[in-house]
Amino acid sequence: MTINSVALDVTTSGYLRSTLRDEIFVQLCKQTTENPRKESLRRGWELLAICLACFSSIFRICSLFKPSMFGGTLEETLEMQRDRFPHKKIPWILTTLAQQIIQLNGTGTEGIFRVPADMEEVNNLKSRFDQWEVPLCVDCHTAASLLKLWFRELYEPIIPSFLYEEAVNNPDDPKFVVNLVTQRLSESNVNVLAFLIRLLQIFDRQEVIIITKMDSSNISTVFAPNVLRCPSSDPTVILENARKEMAFV
């Protein structure tokens, strides 16, 4: 095990499991506070910078002072926008990002939703949205990456954790999936999931797939981990459930 491999493991764990992020940041703050060992201090700051570039804290108390559209629950996000958009049932950030993806020719861009955007641009866009600004975005990959990030950082995924096992155990039964979504999810979750599906259906047309190279299988591969969140940290379980998650989506 090398220092680089440890850094990669820490960063990957924080990126994939939002519940670990605050603990990672706390430990890094300890390492970079009054540390007499210069090499350890330097590496601590390096790892802290890497982690901050890849994911943000989910510390809930911060929202009392500066509410963010990321990392909270869906209901919190809708409550935040109630004064500005009292009749809007979908988070403003989602509808705005979807519009940007389409306006920036996402349907004519190869690898849309798959190709990662520049993280600095994504973070800048994220900061603008948190200020309730409609930021100037020139790259559909940036808007697409931020849309995925919003889903990934939800405190509770759109398919809630208590329904995860049911979802992955019956992914190939369309009737079961429809019943689970329409009868077991809250109205807000259904609205957001329906909005996401309508958006993705735009990209599932044959004339679009020819250009984007993103068919339904590729799109489900990208979005499954953002809609469903495997509670296990066992790589074997995660891998086994990945196909089921894709089938569900």
C-alpha atoms as a PDB file:
ATOM      1  CA  MET A   1       0.000   0.000   0.000  1.00  0.00           C
ATOM      2  CA  THR A   2       1.411   3.359  -1.051  1.00  0.00           C
ATOM      3  CA  ILE A   3       0.585   6.928  -0.032  1.00  0.00           C
ATOM      4  CA  ASN A   4      -0.977   7.522  -3.454  1.00  0.00           C
ATOM      5  CA  SER A   5      -3.152   4.412  -3.192  1.00  0.00           C
ATOM      6  CA  VAL A   6      -4.378   5.485   0.256  1.00  0.00           C
ATOM      7  CA  ALA A   7      -5.229   8.935  -1.115  1.00  0.00           C
ATOM      8  CA  LEU A   8      -7.115   7.317  -3.999  1.00  0.00           C
ATOM      9  CA  ASP A   9      -9.056   5.050  -1.618  1.00  0.00           C
ATOM     10  CA  VAL A  10     -10.018   7.982   0.624  1.00  0.00           C
ATOM     11  CA  THR A  11     -11.114  10.156  -2.291  1.00  0.00           C
ATOM     12  CA  THR A  12     -13.068   7.340  -3.948  1.00  0.00           C
ATOM     13  CA  SER A  13     -14.832   6.457  -0.687  1.00  0.00           C
ATOM     14  CA  GLY A  14     -15.879  10.064  -0.131  1.00  0.00           C
ATOM     15  CA  TYR A  15     -17.032  10.468  -3.729  1.00  0.00           C
ATOM     16  CA  LEU A  16     -19.166   7.316  -3.682  1.00  0.00           C
ATOM     17  CA  ARG A  17     -20.457   7.461  -0.093  1.00  0.00           C
ATOM     18  CA  SER A  18     -21.661  10.874   1.005  1.00  0.00           C
ATOM     19  CA  THR A  19     -22.113   9.692   4.610  1.00  0.00           C
ATOM     20  CA  LEU A  20     -18.325   9.391   4.961  1.00  0.00           C
ATOM     21  CA  ARG A  21     -17.494  12.883   3.739  1.00  0.00           C
ATOM     22  CA  ASP A  22     -17.792  14.797   6.991  1.00  0.00           C
ATOM     23  CA  GLU A  23     -15.658  12.227   8.808  1.00  0.00           C
ATOM     24  CA  ILE A  24     -13.000  12.473   6.092  1.00  0.00           C
ATOM     25  CA  PHE A  25     -12.916  16.260   6.383  1.00  0.00           C
ATOM     26  CA  VAL A  26     -12.766  16.095  10.194  1.00  0.00           C
ATOM     27  CA  GLN A  27      -9.788  13.727  10.086  1.00  0.00           C
ATOM     28  CA  LEU A  28      -8.008  15.886   7.515  1.00  0.00           C
ATOM     29  CA  CYS A  29      -8.610  18.986   9.653  1.00  0.00           C
ATOM     30  CA  LYS A  30      -7.018  17.173  12.579  1.00  0.00           C
ATOM     31  CA  GLN A  31      -4.025  16.241  10.432  1.00  0.00           C
ATOM     32  CA  THR A  32      -3.538  19.822   9.243  1.00  0.00           C
ATOM     33  CA  THR A  33      -3.935  21.491  12.646  1.00  0.00           C
ATOM     34  CA  GLU A  34      -0.761  22.104  14.708  1.00  0.00           C
ATOM     35  CA  ASN A  35       0.964  19.166  13.024  1.00  0.00           C
ATOM     36  CA  PRO A  36       4.720  19.403  13.761  1.00  0.00           C
ATOM     37  CA  ARG A  37       5.584  16.904  11.013  1.00  0.00           C
ATOM     38  CA  LYS A  38       6.021  18.973   7.873  1.00  0.00           C
ATOM     39  CA  GLU A  39       5.688  16.066   5.428  1.00  0.00           C
ATOM     40  CA  SER A  40       2.484  14.845   7.076  1.00  0.00           C
ATOM     41  CA  LEU A  41       1.154  18.413   7.115  1.00  0.00           C
ATOM     42  CA  ARG A  42       1.910  18.896   3.420  1.00  0.00           C
ATOM     43  CA  ARG A  43       0.262  15.633   2.408  1.00  0.00           C
ATOM     44  CA  GLY A  44      -2.739  16.437   4.578  1.00  0.00           C
ATOM     45  CA  TRP A  45      -3.270  19.736   2.773  1.00  0.00           C
ATOM     46  CA  GLU A  46      -2.798  18.038  -0.596  1.00  0.00           C
ATOM     47  CA  LEU A  47      -5.400  15.393   0.204  1.00  0.00           C
ATOM     48  CA  LEU A  48      -7.772  18.031   1.590  1.00  0.00           C
ATOM     49  CA  ALA A  49      -7.494  19.986  -1.672  1.00  0.00           C
ATOM     50  CA  ILE A  50      -8.139  16.833  -3.715  1.00  0.00           C
ATOM     51  CA  CYS A  51     -11.200  15.923  -1.641  1.00  0.00           C
ATOM     52  CA  LEU A  52     -12.625  19.453  -1.870  1.00  0.00           C
ATOM     53  CA  ALA A  53     -12.280  19.300  -5.656  1.00  0.00           C
ATOM     54  CA  CYS A  54     -14.146  15.980  -5.828  1.00  0.00           C
ATOM     55  CA  PHE A  55     -16.936  16.346  -3.272  1.00  0.00           C
ATOM     56  CA  SER A  56     -18.367  18.707  -0.658  1.00  0.00           C
ATOM     57  CA  SER A  57     -19.252  18.331   2.995  1.00  0.00           C
ATOM     58  CA  ILE A  58     -22.821  17.373   3.928  1.00  0.00           C
ATOM     59  CA  PHE A  59     -22.630  19.067   7.338  1.00  0.00           C
ATOM     60  CA  ARG A  60     -26.301  19.841   7.916  1.00  0.00           C
ATOM     61  CA  ILE A  61     -25.808  22.768  10.370  1.00  0.00           C
ATOM     62  CA  CYS A  62     -24.170  24.812   7.593  1.00  0.00           C
ATOM     63  CA  SER A  63     -27.527  24.998   5.844  1.00  0.00           C
ATOM     64  CA  LEU A  64     -28.798  27.200   8.681  1.00  0.00           C
ATOM     65  CA  PHE A  65     -26.392  29.928   7.634  1.00  0.00           C
ATOM     66  CA  LYS A  66     -25.991  29.418   3.905  1.00  0.00           C
ATOM     67  CA  PRO A  67     -28.518  27.006   2.405  1.00  0.00           C
ATOM     68  CA  SER A  68     -27.245  24.934  -0.490  1.00  0.00           C
ATOM     69  CA  MET A  69     -29.263  23.172  -3.135  1.00  0.00           C
ATOM     70  CA  PHE A  70     -26.910  20.228  -2.789  1.00  0.00           C
ATOM     71  CA  GLY A  71     -26.659  17.642  -0.038  1.00  0.00           C
ATOM     72  CA  GLY A  72     -30.078  18.211   1.494  1.00  0.00           C
ATOM     73  CA  THR A  73     -33.313  16.298   1.138  1.00  0.00           C
ATOM     74  CA  LEU A  74     -35.678  16.840  -1.771  1.00  0.00           C
ATOM     75  CA  GLU A  75     -38.256  18.375   0.565  1.00  0.00           C
ATOM     76  CA  GLU A  76     -35.679  20.841   1.898  1.00  0.00           C
ATOM     77  CA  THR A  77     -34.810  21.896  -1.639  1.00  0.00           C
ATOM     78  CA  LEU A  78     -38.462  22.453  -2.513  1.00  0.00           C
ATOM     79  CA  GLU A  79     -38.999  24.411   0.706  1.00  0.00           C
ATOM     80  CA  MET A  80     -36.027  26.658  -0.111  1.00  0.00           C
ATOM     81  CA  GLN A  81     -37.572  27.689  -3.418  1.00  0.00           C
ATOM     82  CA  ARG A  82     -41.142  28.046  -2.194  1.00  0.00           C
ATOM     83  CA  ASP A  83     -41.002  31.835  -1.846  1.00  0.00           C
ATOM     84  CA  ARG A  84     -39.433  32.315  -5.279  1.00  0.00           C
ATOM     85  CA  PHE A  85     -41.386  29.626  -7.133  1.00  0.00           C
ATOM     86  CA  PRO A  86     -44.510  28.856  -5.066  1.00  0.00           C
ATOM     87  CA  HIS A  87     -46.151  26.740  -7.766  1.00  0.00           C
ATOM     88  CA  LYS A  88     -43.086  24.845  -8.954  1.00  0.00           C
ATOM     89  CA  LYS A  89     -43.154  21.136  -8.064  1.00  0.00           C
ATOM     90  CA  ILE A  90     -39.718  20.366  -9.509  1.00  0.00           C
ATOM     91  CA  PRO A  91     -36.513  21.850  -8.087  1.00  0.00           C
ATOM     92  CA  TRP A  92     -35.642  24.987 -10.018  1.00  0.00           C
ATOM     93  CA  ILE A  93     -32.061  23.834 -10.416  1.00  0.00           C
ATOM     94  CA  LEU A  94     -33.178  20.660 -12.234  1.00  0.00           C
ATOM     95  CA  THR A  95     -35.426  22.396 -14.740  1.00  0.00           C
ATOM     96  CA  THR A  96     -32.757  25.027 -15.397  1.00  0.00           C
ATOM     97  CA  LEU A  97     -29.993  22.462 -15.903  1.00  0.00           C
ATOM     98  CA  ALA A  98     -32.219  20.401 -18.197  1.00  0.00           C
ATOM     99  CA  GLN A  99     -32.897  23.492 -20.316  1.00  0.00           C
ATOM    100  CA  GLN A 100     -29.190  24.256 -20.505  1.00  0.00           C
ATOM    101  CA  ILE A 101     -28.342  20.709 -21.579  1.00  0.00           C
ATOM    102  CA  ILE A 102     -30.858  20.898 -24.426  1.00  0.00           C
ATOM    103  CA  GLN A 103     -29.974  24.480 -25.428  1.00  0.00           C
ATOM    104  CA  LEU A 104     -26.262  23.627 -25.522  1.00  0.00           C
ATOM    105  CA  ASN A 105     -26.948  20.844 -28.034  1.00  0.00           C
ATOM    106  CA  GLY A 106     -26.726  17.944 -25.624  1.00  0.00           C
ATOM    107  CA  THR A 107     -28.735  15.835 -28.059  1.00  0.00           C
ATOM    108  CA  GLY A 108     -26.016  16.398 -30.655  1.00  0.00           C
ATOM    109  CA  THR A 109     -23.028  15.809 -28.393  1.00  0.00           C
ATOM    110  CA  GLU A 110     -21.225  12.481 -28.277  1.00  0.00           C
ATOM    111  CA  GLY A 111     -20.936  11.008 -24.798  1.00  0.00           C
ATOM    112  CA  ILE A 112     -23.488  13.293 -23.164  1.00  0.00           C
ATOM    113  CA  PHE A 113     -23.943  12.315 -19.481  1.00  0.00           C
ATOM    114  CA  ARG A 114     -20.929   9.985 -19.762  1.00  0.00           C
ATOM    115  CA  VAL A 115     -18.060  12.354 -20.550  1.00  0.00           C
ATOM    116  CA  PRO A 116     -16.966  14.123 -17.336  1.00  0.00           C
ATOM    117  CA  ALA A 117     -16.739  17.905 -17.277  1.00  0.00           C
ATOM    118  CA  ASP A 118     -13.952  20.024 -15.848  1.00  0.00           C
ATOM    119  CA  MET A 119     -14.442  19.912 -12.054  1.00  0.00           C
ATOM    120  CA  GLU A 120     -13.532  23.565 -11.618  1.00  0.00           C
ATOM    121  CA  GLU A 121     -16.246  24.580 -14.084  1.00  0.00           C
ATOM    122  CA  VAL A 122     -18.742  22.282 -12.368  1.00  0.00           C
ATOM    123  CA  ASN A 123     -17.957  23.753  -8.950  1.00  0.00           C
ATOM    124  CA  ASN A 124     -18.235  27.301 -10.318  1.00  0.00           C
ATOM    125  CA  LEU A 125     -21.621  26.478 -11.818  1.00  0.00           C
ATOM    126  CA  LYS A 126     -22.676  24.904  -8.538  1.00  0.00           C
ATOM    127  CA  SER A 127     -21.720  28.027  -6.582  1.00  0.00           C
ATOM    128  CA  ARG A 128     -23.708  30.226  -8.945  1.00  0.00           C
ATOM    129  CA  PHE A 129     -26.819  28.113  -8.543  1.00  0.00           C
ATOM    130  CA  ASP A 130     -26.463  28.285  -4.767  1.00  0.00           C
ATOM    131  CA  GLN A 131     -26.686  32.070  -5.154  1.00  0.00           C
ATOM    132  CA  TRP A 132     -29.932  31.659  -7.129  1.00  0.00           C
ATOM    133  CA  GLU A 133     -28.272  32.883 -10.295  1.00  0.00           C
ATOM    134  CA  VAL A 134     -28.782  31.452 -13.770  1.00  0.00           C
ATOM    135  CA  PRO A 135     -25.121  31.062 -14.660  1.00  0.00           C
ATOM    136  CA  LEU A 136     -23.687  31.333 -18.134  1.00  0.00           C
ATOM    137  CA  CYS A 137     -22.838  27.796 -19.176  1.00  0.00           C
ATOM    138  CA  VAL A 138     -21.102  27.107 -22.482  1.00  0.00           C
ATOM    139  CA  ASP A 139     -20.576  23.344 -22.247  1.00  0.00           C
ATOM    140  CA  CYS A 140     -23.422  20.833 -22.073  1.00  0.00           C
ATOM    141  CA  HIS A 141     -21.095  18.372 -20.292  1.00  0.00           C
ATOM    142  CA  THR A 142     -20.780  20.841 -17.403  1.00  0.00           C
ATOM    143  CA  ALA A 143     -24.550  21.148 -17.014  1.00  0.00           C
ATOM    144  CA  ALA A 144     -24.966  17.367 -17.360  1.00  0.00           C
ATOM    145  CA  SER A 145     -22.289  16.685 -14.743  1.00  0.00           C
ATOM    146  CA  LEU A 146     -23.912  19.093 -12.294  1.00  0.00           C
ATOM    147  CA  LEU A 147     -27.321  17.518 -12.839  1.00  0.00           C
ATOM    148  CA  LYS A 148     -25.873  14.104 -11.982  1.00  0.00           C
ATOM    149  CA  LEU A 149     -24.091  15.612  -8.988  1.00  0.00           C
ATOM    150  CA  TRP A 150     -27.347  17.022  -7.628  1.00  0.00           C
ATOM    151  CA  PHE A 151     -28.947  13.586  -7.688  1.00  0.00           C
ATOM    152  CA  ARG A 152     -25.842  11.901  -6.289  1.00  0.00           C
ATOM    153  CA  GLU A 153     -25.572  14.319  -3.357  1.00  0.00           C
ATOM    154  CA  LEU A 154     -29.204  14.132  -2.260  1.00  0.00           C
ATOM    155  CA  TYR A 155     -29.272  13.279   1.437  1.00  0.00           C
ATOM    156  CA  GLU A 156     -31.782  10.557   0.599  1.00  0.00           C
ATOM    157  CA  PRO A 157     -31.822   9.202  -2.983  1.00  0.00           C
ATOM    158  CA  ILE A 158     -34.884   9.563  -5.192  1.00  0.00           C
ATOM    159  CA  ILE A 159     -35.509   5.841  -4.661  1.00  0.00           C
ATOM    160  CA  PRO A 160     -35.267   5.928  -0.846  1.00  0.00           C
ATOM    161  CA  SER A 161     -32.967   3.563   1.014  1.00  0.00           C
ATOM    162  CA  PHE A 162     -35.853   1.647   2.585  1.00  0.00           C
ATOM    163  CA  LEU A 163     -37.043   0.651  -0.914  1.00  0.00           C
ATOM    164  CA  TYR A 164     -33.616  -0.258  -2.292  1.00  0.00           C
ATOM    165  CA  GLU A 165     -33.784  -4.016  -1.698  1.00  0.00           C
ATOM    166  CA  GLU A 166     -37.276  -4.277  -3.167  1.00  0.00           C
ATOM    167  CA  ALA A 167     -36.177  -2.308  -6.212  1.00  0.00           C
ATOM    168  CA  VAL A 168     -33.083  -4.387  -7.005  1.00  0.00           C
ATOM    169  CA  ASN A 169     -34.819  -7.687  -6.293  1.00  0.00           C
ATOM    170  CA  ASN A 170     -37.534  -7.062  -8.902  1.00  0.00           C
ATOM    171  CA  PRO A 171     -35.929  -4.868 -11.570  1.00  0.00           C
ATOM    172  CA  ASP A 172     -37.165  -6.847 -14.579  1.00  0.00           C
ATOM    173  CA  ASP A 173     -40.853  -6.741 -13.659  1.00  0.00           C
ATOM    174  CA  PRO A 174     -42.283  -3.555 -15.257  1.00  0.00           C
ATOM    175  CA  LYS A 175     -45.571  -3.837 -13.380  1.00  0.00           C
ATOM    176  CA  PHE A 176     -43.787  -4.119 -10.043  1.00  0.00           C
ATOM    177  CA  VAL A 177     -41.509  -1.176 -10.842  1.00  0.00           C
ATOM    178  CA  VAL A 178     -44.450   1.041 -11.829  1.00  0.00           C
ATOM    179  CA  ASN A 179     -46.385   0.092  -8.696  1.00  0.00           C
ATOM    180  CA  LEU A 180     -43.369   0.733  -6.477  1.00  0.00           C
ATOM    181  CA  VAL A 181     -42.814   4.164  -7.987  1.00  0.00           C
ATOM    182  CA  THR A 182     -46.437   5.292  -8.055  1.00  0.00           C
ATOM    183  CA  GLN A 183     -47.618   3.773  -4.777  1.00  0.00           C
ATOM    184  CA  ARG A 184     -44.588   3.785  -2.466  1.00  0.00           C
ATOM    185  CA  LEU A 185     -42.818   7.033  -3.316  1.00  0.00           C
ATOM    186  CA  SER A 186     -43.848  10.456  -2.078  1.00  0.00           C
ATOM    187  CA  GLU A 187     -45.479  12.827  -4.550  1.00  0.00           C
ATOM    188  CA  SER A 188     -42.326  14.952  -4.702  1.00  0.00           C
ATOM    189  CA  ASN A 189     -40.141  11.948  -5.481  1.00  0.00           C
ATOM    190  CA  VAL A 190     -42.539  10.793  -8.186  1.00  0.00           C
ATOM    191  CA  ASN A 191     -42.553  14.254  -9.766  1.00  0.00           C
ATOM    192  CA  VAL A 192     -38.757  14.461  -9.867  1.00  0.00           C
ATOM    193  CA  LEU A 193     -38.325  10.904 -11.114  1.00  0.00           C
ATOM    194  CA  ALA A 194     -40.924  11.479 -13.847  1.00  0.00           C
ATOM    195  CA  PHE A 195     -39.140  14.688 -14.850  1.00  0.00           C
ATOM    196  CA  LEU A 196     -35.810  12.867 -15.097  1.00  0.00           C
ATOM    197  CA  ILE A 197     -37.331  10.062 -17.168  1.00  0.00           C
ATOM    198  CA  ARG A 198     -38.937  12.539 -19.577  1.00  0.00           C
ATOM    199  CA  LEU A 199     -35.584  14.269 -19.991  1.00  0.00           C
ATOM    200  CA  LEU A 200     -33.728  11.023 -20.643  1.00  0.00           C
ATOM    201  CA  GLN A 201     -36.379   9.848 -23.111  1.00  0.00           C
ATOM    202  CA  ILE A 202     -35.384  12.777 -25.325  1.00  0.00           C
ATOM    203  CA  PHE A 203     -31.961  11.149 -25.611  1.00  0.00           C
ATOM    204  CA  ASP A 204     -33.373   7.678 -26.250  1.00  0.00           C
ATOM    205  CA  ARG A 205     -34.503   8.454 -29.803  1.00  0.00           C
ATOM    206  CA  GLN A 206     -32.625   6.627 -32.528  1.00  0.00           C
ATOM    207  CA  GLU A 207     -31.618   9.782 -34.411  1.00  0.00           C
ATOM    208  CA  VAL A 208     -30.100  11.121 -31.187  1.00  0.00           C
ATOM    209  CA  ILE A 209     -28.369   7.877 -30.206  1.00  0.00           C
ATOM    210  CA  ILE A 210     -26.567   7.776 -33.565  1.00  0.00           C
ATOM    211  CA  ILE A 211     -24.847  11.038 -32.625  1.00  0.00           C
ATOM    212  CA  THR A 212     -24.441  10.746 -28.850  1.00  0.00           C
ATOM    213  CA  LYS A 213     -23.530   7.030 -28.797  1.00  0.00           C
ATOM    214  CA  MET A 214     -25.615   6.874 -25.610  1.00  0.00           C
ATOM    215  CA  ASP A 215     -28.400   4.313 -25.881  1.00  0.00           C
ATOM    216  CA  SER A 216     -30.753   3.358 -23.046  1.00  0.00           C
ATOM    217  CA  SER A 217     -28.244   0.859 -21.670  1.00  0.00           C
ATOM    218  CA  ASN A 218     -25.475   3.452 -21.497  1.00  0.00           C
ATOM    219  CA  ILE A 219     -27.764   6.062 -19.962  1.00  0.00           C
ATOM    220  CA  SER A 220     -29.021   3.642 -17.314  1.00  0.00           C
ATOM    221  CA  THR A 221     -25.417   2.724 -16.497  1.00  0.00           C
ATOM    222  CA  VAL A 222     -24.668   6.384 -15.830  1.00  0.00           C
ATOM    223  CA  PHE A 223     -27.823   7.267 -13.906  1.00  0.00           C
ATOM    224  CA  ALA A 224     -28.525   4.098 -11.909  1.00  0.00           C
ATOM    225  CA  PRO A 225     -26.005   4.938  -9.131  1.00  0.00           C
ATOM    226  CA  ASN A 226     -27.512   8.427  -8.891  1.00  0.00           C
ATOM    227  CA  VAL A 227     -31.102   7.215  -8.548  1.00  0.00           C
ATOM    228  CA  LEU A 228     -30.457   4.162  -6.370  1.00  0.00           C
ATOM    229  CA  ARG A 229     -27.779   4.068  -3.678  1.00  0.00           C
ATOM    230  CA  CYS A 230     -26.356   0.712  -2.648  1.00  0.00           C
ATOM    231  CA  PRO A 231     -26.084   0.644   1.173  1.00  0.00           C
ATOM    232  CA  SER A 232     -23.293  -1.940   1.138  1.00  0.00           C
ATOM    233  CA  SER A 233     -19.593  -1.096   1.006  1.00  0.00           C
ATOM    234  CA  ASP A 234     -18.735  -4.621  -0.153  1.00  0.00           C
ATOM    235  CA  PRO A 235     -17.337  -4.351  -3.728  1.00  0.00           C
ATOM    236  CA  THR A 236     -18.823  -7.746  -4.609  1.00  0.00           C
ATOM    237  CA  VAL A 237     -22.326  -6.689  -3.562  1.00  0.00           C
ATOM    238  CA  ILE A 238     -21.968  -3.341  -5.322  1.00  0.00           C
ATOM    239  CA  LEU A 239     -20.921  -5.076  -8.542  1.00  0.00           C
ATOM    240  CA  GLU A 240     -23.701  -7.666  -8.338  1.00  0.00           C
ATOM    241  CA  ASN A 241     -26.334  -5.004  -7.723  1.00  0.00           C
ATOM    242  CA  ALA A 242     -25.083  -2.705 -10.482  1.00  0.00           C
ATOM    243  CA  ARG A 243     -26.827  -4.714 -13.214  1.00  0.00           C
ATOM    244  CA  LYS A 244     -30.054  -4.833 -11.205  1.00  0.00           C
ATOM    245  CA  GLU A 245     -29.916  -1.070 -10.674  1.00  0.00           C
ATOM    246  CA  MET A 246     -29.438  -0.561 -14.416  1.00  0.00           C
ATOM    247  CA  ALA A 247     -32.395  -2.821 -15.189  1.00  0.00           C
ATOM    248  CA  PHE A 248     -34.588  -0.914 -12.740  1.00  0.00           C
ATOM    249  CA  VAL A 249     -33.739   2.430 -14.330  1.00  0.00           C
END
